[in-house]
Amino acid sequence: MARYTVHVPESQTSMGTDNPMTGLEAYTKVCELRAMGFETVTLRNVDTGEEITDVASLVLDSPGG
């Protein structure tokens, strides 16, 4: 299962670097951050290094989504 870190470029903050999150955990964190007013929040797959900017599609494309 893929694991992710969450990044907020406008505040130069990263979350999950010590303990990467599942896709659902990361999506939930992104929703929380956007509700707080952060417009740009991205995920990074810790295995591939791929940066994901369309977080909603990650959840929609998941087997449980």
PDB file of N, CA and C in Angstrom:
ATOM      1  N   MET A   1       0.837  -1.167   0.000  1.00  0.00           N
ATOM      2  CA  MET A   1       0.000   0.000   0.000  1.00  0.00           C
ATOM      3  C   MET A   1       0.889   1.239   0.000  1.00  0.00           C
ATOM      4  N   ALA A   2       0.527   2.179  -0.826  1.00  0.00           N
ATOM      5  CA  ALA A   2       1.318   3.405  -0.942  1.00  0.00           C
ATOM      6  C   ALA A   2       1.208   4.247   0.327  1.00  0.00           C
ATOM      7  N   ARG A   3       2.267   4.956   0.625  1.00  0.00           N
ATOM      8  CA  ARG A   3       2.312   5.864   1.773  1.00  0.00           C
ATOM      9  C   ARG A   3       2.687   7.244   1.257  1.00  0.00           C
ATOM     10  N   TYR A   4       2.188   8.275   1.945  1.00  0.00           N
ATOM     11  CA  TYR A   4       2.332   9.641   1.460  1.00  0.00           C
ATOM     12  C   TYR A   4       2.770  10.602   2.547  1.00  0.00           C
ATOM     13  N   THR A   5       3.419  11.673   2.096  1.00  0.00           N
ATOM     14  CA  THR A   5       3.668  12.827   2.941  1.00  0.00           C
ATOM     15  C   THR A   5       2.814  13.961   2.379  1.00  0.00           C
ATOM     16  N   VAL A   6       2.456  14.916   3.227  1.00  0.00           N
ATOM     17  CA  VAL A   6       1.614  16.044   2.841  1.00  0.00           C
ATOM     18  C   VAL A   6       2.474  17.300   2.873  1.00  0.00           C
ATOM     19  N   HIS A   7       2.332  18.127   1.829  1.00  0.00           N
ATOM     20  CA  HIS A   7       3.152  19.336   1.718  1.00  0.00           C
ATOM     21  C   HIS A   7       2.282  20.571   1.493  1.00  0.00           C
ATOM     22  N   VAL A   8       2.618  21.637   2.217  1.00  0.00           N
ATOM     23  CA  VAL A   8       1.938  22.920   2.074  1.00  0.00           C
ATOM     24  C   VAL A   8       2.997  23.934   1.648  1.00  0.00           C
ATOM     25  N   PRO A   9       3.180  24.104   0.337  1.00  0.00           N
ATOM     26  CA  PRO A   9       4.253  24.976  -0.150  1.00  0.00           C
ATOM     27  C   PRO A   9       4.191  26.406   0.374  1.00  0.00           C
ATOM     28  N   GLU A  10       2.995  26.968   0.513  1.00  0.00           N
ATOM     29  CA  GLU A  10       2.896  28.361   0.937  1.00  0.00           C
ATOM     30  C   GLU A  10       3.368  28.589   2.371  1.00  0.00           C
ATOM     31  N   SER A  11       3.397  27.550   3.189  1.00  0.00           N
ATOM     32  CA  SER A  11       3.915  27.702   4.553  1.00  0.00           C
ATOM     33  C   SER A  11       5.209  26.911   4.750  1.00  0.00           C
ATOM     34  N   GLN A  12       5.683  26.284   3.697  1.00  0.00           N
ATOM     35  CA  GLN A  12       6.899  25.467   3.730  1.00  0.00           C
ATOM     36  C   GLN A  12       6.822  24.398   4.820  1.00  0.00           C
ATOM     37  N   THR A  13       5.627  23.779   4.945  1.00  0.00           N
ATOM     38  CA  THR A  13       5.391  22.754   5.953  1.00  0.00           C
ATOM     39  C   THR A  13       5.202  21.404   5.290  1.00  0.00           C
ATOM     40  N   SER A  14       5.738  20.366   5.917  1.00  0.00           N
ATOM     41  CA  SER A  14       5.533  18.993   5.460  1.00  0.00           C
ATOM     42  C   SER A  14       5.074  18.161   6.649  1.00  0.00           C
ATOM     43  N   MET A  15       4.163  17.251   6.397  1.00  0.00           N
ATOM     44  CA  MET A  15       3.657  16.363   7.444  1.00  0.00           C
ATOM     45  C   MET A  15       3.792  14.922   6.996  1.00  0.00           C
ATOM     46  N   GLY A  16       4.045  14.058   7.933  1.00  0.00           N
ATOM     47  CA  GLY A  16       4.165  12.642   7.634  1.00  0.00           C
ATOM     48  C   GLY A  16       5.558  12.212   7.238  1.00  0.00           C
ATOM     49  N   THR A  17       6.534  13.085   7.397  1.00  0.00           N
ATOM     50  CA  THR A  17       7.888  12.720   6.977  1.00  0.00           C
ATOM     51  C   THR A  17       8.469  11.618   7.854  1.00  0.00           C
ATOM     52  N   ASP A  18       8.150  11.630   9.147  1.00  0.00           N
ATOM     53  CA  ASP A  18       8.636  10.581  10.046  1.00  0.00           C
ATOM     54  C   ASP A  18       7.763   9.336  10.011  1.00  0.00           C
ATOM     55  N   ASN A  19       6.485   9.527   9.735  1.00  0.00           N
ATOM     56  CA  ASN A  19       5.531   8.435   9.724  1.00  0.00           C
ATOM     57  C   ASN A  19       4.558   8.656   8.562  1.00  0.00           C
ATOM     58  N   PRO A  20       4.931   8.238   7.339  1.00  0.00           N
ATOM     59  CA  PRO A  20       4.078   8.476   6.171  1.00  0.00           C
ATOM     60  C   PRO A  20       2.657   7.953   6.376  1.00  0.00           C
ATOM     61  N   MET A  21       1.707   8.613   5.727  1.00  0.00           N
ATOM     62  CA  MET A  21       0.287   8.329   5.893  1.00  0.00           C
ATOM     63  C   MET A  21      -0.256   7.463   4.759  1.00  0.00           C
ATOM     64  N   THR A  22      -1.344   6.764   5.046  1.00  0.00           N
ATOM     65  CA  THR A  22      -2.059   6.052   3.985  1.00  0.00           C
ATOM     66  C   THR A  22      -2.733   7.094   3.094  1.00  0.00           C
ATOM     67  N   GLY A  23      -3.239   6.674   1.968  1.00  0.00           N
ATOM     68  CA  GLY A  23      -3.932   7.594   1.070  1.00  0.00           C
ATOM     69  C   GLY A  23      -5.105   8.273   1.739  1.00  0.00           C
ATOM     70  N   LEU A  24      -5.896   7.523   2.495  1.00  0.00           N
ATOM     71  CA  LEU A  24      -7.055   8.095   3.169  1.00  0.00           C
ATOM     72  C   LEU A  24      -6.648   9.069   4.267  1.00  0.00           C
ATOM     73  N   GLU A  25      -5.625   8.716   5.034  1.00  0.00           N
ATOM     74  CA  GLU A  25      -5.133   9.628   6.076  1.00  0.00           C
ATOM     75  C   GLU A  25      -4.626  10.924   5.452  1.00  0.00           C
ATOM     76  N   ALA A  26      -3.889  10.796   4.365  1.00  0.00           N
ATOM     77  CA  ALA A  26      -3.339  11.976   3.696  1.00  0.00           C
ATOM     78  C   ALA A  26      -4.459  12.835   3.114  1.00  0.00           C
ATOM     79  N   TYR A  27      -5.460  12.197   2.515  1.00  0.00           N
ATOM     80  CA  TYR A  27      -6.590  12.934   1.954  1.00  0.00           C
ATOM     81  C   TYR A  27      -7.324  13.699   3.061  1.00  0.00           C
ATOM     82  N   THR A  28      -7.526  13.055   4.193  1.00  0.00           N
ATOM     83  CA  THR A  28      -8.196  13.700   5.321  1.00  0.00           C
ATOM     84  C   THR A  28      -7.404  14.910   5.791  1.00  0.00           C
ATOM     85  N   LYS A  29      -6.083  14.778   5.872  1.00  0.00           N
ATOM     86  CA  LYS A  29      -5.224  15.892   6.281  1.00  0.00           C
ATOM     87  C   LYS A  29      -5.305  17.039   5.271  1.00  0.00           C
ATOM     88  N   VAL A  30      -5.332  16.706   3.980  1.00  0.00           N
ATOM     89  CA  VAL A  30      -5.450  17.733   2.944  1.00  0.00           C
ATOM     90  C   VAL A  30      -6.763  18.501   3.120  1.00  0.00           C
ATOM     91  N   CYS A  31      -7.859  17.785   3.366  1.00  0.00           N
ATOM     92  CA  CYS A  31      -9.157  18.435   3.577  1.00  0.00           C
ATOM     93  C   CYS A  31      -9.114  19.371   4.776  1.00  0.00           C
ATOM     94  N   GLU A  32      -8.483  18.937   5.860  1.00  0.00           N
ATOM     95  CA  GLU A  32      -8.352  19.776   7.054  1.00  0.00           C
ATOM     96  C   GLU A  32      -7.567  21.045   6.743  1.00  0.00           C
ATOM     97  N   LEU A  33      -6.464  20.892   6.034  1.00  0.00           N
ATOM     98  CA  LEU A  33      -5.620  22.047   5.705  1.00  0.00           C
ATOM     99  C   LEU A  33      -6.335  23.012   4.768  1.00  0.00           C
ATOM    100  N   ARG A  34      -7.065  22.487   3.803  1.00  0.00           N
ATOM    101  CA  ARG A  34      -7.809  23.371   2.894  1.00  0.00           C
ATOM    102  C   ARG A  34      -8.920  24.095   3.637  1.00  0.00           C
ATOM    103  N   ALA A  35      -9.545  23.433   4.604  1.00  0.00           N
ATOM    104  CA  ALA A  35     -10.575  24.085   5.411  1.00  0.00           C
ATOM    105  C   ALA A  35      -9.974  25.209   6.260  1.00  0.00           C
ATOM    106  N   MET A  36      -8.698  25.102   6.581  1.00  0.00           N
ATOM    107  CA  MET A  36      -7.993  26.136   7.343  1.00  0.00           C
ATOM    108  C   MET A  36      -7.563  27.296   6.452  1.00  0.00           C
ATOM    109  N   GLY A  37      -7.775  27.168   5.140  1.00  0.00           N
ATOM    110  CA  GLY A  37      -7.468  28.262   4.232  1.00  0.00           C
ATOM    111  C   GLY A  37      -6.257  28.067   3.342  1.00  0.00           C
ATOM    112  N   PHE A  38      -5.561  26.950   3.470  1.00  0.00           N
ATOM    113  CA  PHE A  38      -4.416  26.700   2.598  1.00  0.00           C
ATOM    114  C   PHE A  38      -4.933  26.232   1.239  1.00  0.00           C
ATOM    115  N   GLU A  39      -4.577  26.955   0.196  1.00  0.00           N
ATOM    116  CA  GLU A  39      -5.084  26.641  -1.140  1.00  0.00           C
ATOM    117  C   GLU A  39      -4.293  25.540  -1.829  1.00  0.00           C
ATOM    118  N   THR A  40      -2.996  25.539  -1.646  1.00  0.00           N
ATOM    119  CA  THR A  40      -2.155  24.561  -2.326  1.00  0.00           C
ATOM    120  C   THR A  40      -1.636  23.549  -1.321  1.00  0.00           C
ATOM    121  N   VAL A  41      -2.120  22.320  -1.457  1.00  0.00           N
ATOM    122  CA  VAL A  41      -1.671  21.224  -0.615  1.00  0.00           C
ATOM    123  C   VAL A  41      -1.427  20.049  -1.545  1.00  0.00           C
ATOM    124  N   THR A  42      -0.258  19.447  -1.464  1.00  0.00           N
ATOM    125  CA  THR A  42       0.068  18.326  -2.338  1.00  0.00           C
ATOM    126  C   THR A  42       0.496  17.123  -1.514  1.00  0.00           C
ATOM    127  N   LEU A  43       0.488  15.971  -2.173  1.00  0.00           N
ATOM    128  CA  LEU A  43       0.969  14.743  -1.560  1.00  0.00           C
ATOM    129  C   LEU A  43       2.193  14.277  -2.318  1.00  0.00           C
ATOM    130  N   ARG A  44       3.057  13.546  -1.639  1.00  0.00           N
ATOM    131  CA  ARG A  44       4.199  12.924  -2.307  1.00  0.00           C
ATOM    132  C   ARG A  44       4.240  11.454  -1.905  1.00  0.00           C
ATOM    133  N   ASN A  45       4.253  10.584  -2.908  1.00  0.00           N
ATOM    134  CA  ASN A  45       4.365   9.147  -2.682  1.00  0.00           C
ATOM    135  C   ASN A  45       5.791   8.886  -2.214  1.00  0.00           C
ATOM    136  N   VAL A  46       5.948   8.300  -1.030  1.00  0.00           N
ATOM    137  CA  VAL A  46       7.290   8.123  -0.473  1.00  0.00           C
ATOM    138  C   VAL A  46       8.093   7.051  -1.208  1.00  0.00           C
ATOM    139  N   ASP A  47       7.417   6.146  -1.913  1.00  0.00           N
ATOM    140  CA  ASP A  47       8.124   5.089  -2.638  1.00  0.00           C
ATOM    141  C   ASP A  47       8.606   5.552  -4.012  1.00  0.00           C
ATOM    142  N   THR A  48       7.764   6.317  -4.711  1.00  0.00           N
ATOM    143  CA  THR A  48       8.095   6.710  -6.083  1.00  0.00           C
ATOM    144  C   THR A  48       8.580   8.143  -6.198  1.00  0.00           C
ATOM    145  N   GLY A  49       8.293   8.970  -5.184  1.00  0.00           N
ATOM    146  CA  GLY A  49       8.651  10.380  -5.249  1.00  0.00           C
ATOM    147  C   GLY A  49       7.669  11.207  -6.056  1.00  0.00           C
ATOM    148  N   GLU A  50       6.619  10.574  -6.596  1.00  0.00           N
ATOM    149  CA  GLU A  50       5.623  11.276  -7.407  1.00  0.00           C
ATOM    150  C   GLU A  50       4.869  12.278  -6.551  1.00  0.00           C
ATOM    151  N   GLU A  51       4.733  13.508  -7.071  1.00  0.00           N
ATOM    152  CA  GLU A  51       3.965  14.534  -6.386  1.00  0.00           C
ATOM    153  C   GLU A  51       2.558  14.552  -6.957  1.00  0.00           C
ATOM    154  N   ILE A  52       1.567  14.553  -6.093  1.00  0.00           N
ATOM    155  CA  ILE A  52       0.174  14.507  -6.507  1.00  0.00           C
ATOM    156  C   ILE A  52      -0.482  15.820  -6.126  1.00  0.00           C
ATOM    157  N   THR A  53      -0.960  16.538  -7.131  1.00  0.00           N
ATOM    158  CA  THR A  53      -1.634  17.808  -6.871  1.00  0.00           C
ATOM    159  C   THR A  53      -3.149  17.642  -6.909  1.00  0.00           C
ATOM    160  N   ASP A  54      -3.650  16.652  -7.638  1.00  0.00           N
ATOM    161  CA  ASP A  54      -5.088  16.379  -7.721  1.00  0.00           C
ATOM    162  C   ASP A  54      -5.426  15.292  -6.702  1.00  0.00           C
ATOM    163  N   VAL A  55      -5.513  15.703  -5.444  1.00  0.00           N
ATOM    164  CA  VAL A  55      -5.684  14.755  -4.345  1.00  0.00           C
ATOM    165  C   VAL A  55      -7.022  14.040  -4.423  1.00  0.00           C
ATOM    166  N   ALA A  56      -8.074  14.714  -4.873  1.00  0.00           N
ATOM    167  CA  ALA A  56      -9.391  14.070  -4.963  1.00  0.00           C
ATOM    168  C   ALA A  56      -9.372  12.882  -5.904  1.00  0.00           C
ATOM    169  N   SER A  57      -8.625  12.963  -6.998  1.00  0.00           N
ATOM    170  CA  SER A  57      -8.564  11.844  -7.940  1.00  0.00           C
ATOM    171  C   SER A  57      -7.866  10.645  -7.327  1.00  0.00           C
ATOM    172  N   LEU A  58      -6.936  10.875  -6.420  1.00  0.00           N
ATOM    173  CA  LEU A  58      -6.261   9.779  -5.734  1.00  0.00           C
ATOM    174  C   LEU A  58      -7.287   8.929  -4.985  1.00  0.00           C
ATOM    175  N   VAL A  59      -8.187   9.569  -4.279  1.00  0.00           N
ATOM    176  CA  VAL A  59      -9.196   8.861  -3.516  1.00  0.00           C
ATOM    177  C   VAL A  59     -10.221   8.238  -4.444  1.00  0.00           C
ATOM    178  N   LEU A  60     -10.641   8.958  -5.476  1.00  0.00           N
ATOM    179  CA  LEU A  60     -11.631   8.414  -6.418  1.00  0.00           C
ATOM    180  C   LEU A  60     -11.109   7.206  -7.163  1.00  0.00           C
ATOM    181  N   ASP A  61      -9.814   7.178  -7.449  1.00  0.00           N
ATOM    182  CA  ASP A  61      -9.212   6.064  -8.207  1.00  0.00           C
ATOM    183  C   ASP A  61      -8.813   4.904  -7.320  1.00  0.00           C
ATOM    184  N   SER A  62      -8.909   5.062  -6.005  1.00  0.00           N
ATOM    185  CA  SER A  62      -8.485   4.000  -5.107  1.00  0.00           C
ATOM    186  C   SER A  62      -9.502   2.857  -5.099  1.00  0.00           C
ATOM    187  N   PRO A  63      -9.073   1.642  -4.781  1.00  0.00           N
ATOM    188  CA  PRO A  63     -10.004   0.511  -4.751  1.00  0.00           C
ATOM    189  C   PRO A  63     -11.153   0.697  -3.780  1.00  0.00           C
ATOM    190  N   GLY A  64     -10.946   1.426  -2.710  1.00  0.00           N
ATOM    191  CA  GLY A  64     -12.003   1.648  -1.742  1.00  0.00           C
ATOM    192  C   GLY A  64     -12.765   2.925  -1.961  1.00  0.00           C
ATOM    193  N   GLY A  65     -12.447   3.688  -3.027  1.00  0.00           N
ATOM    194  CA  GLY A  65     -13.009   5.004  -3.259  1.00  0.00           C
ATOM    195  C   GLY A  65     -14.307   5.063  -3.922  1.00  0.00           C
TER     196      GLY A  65
END
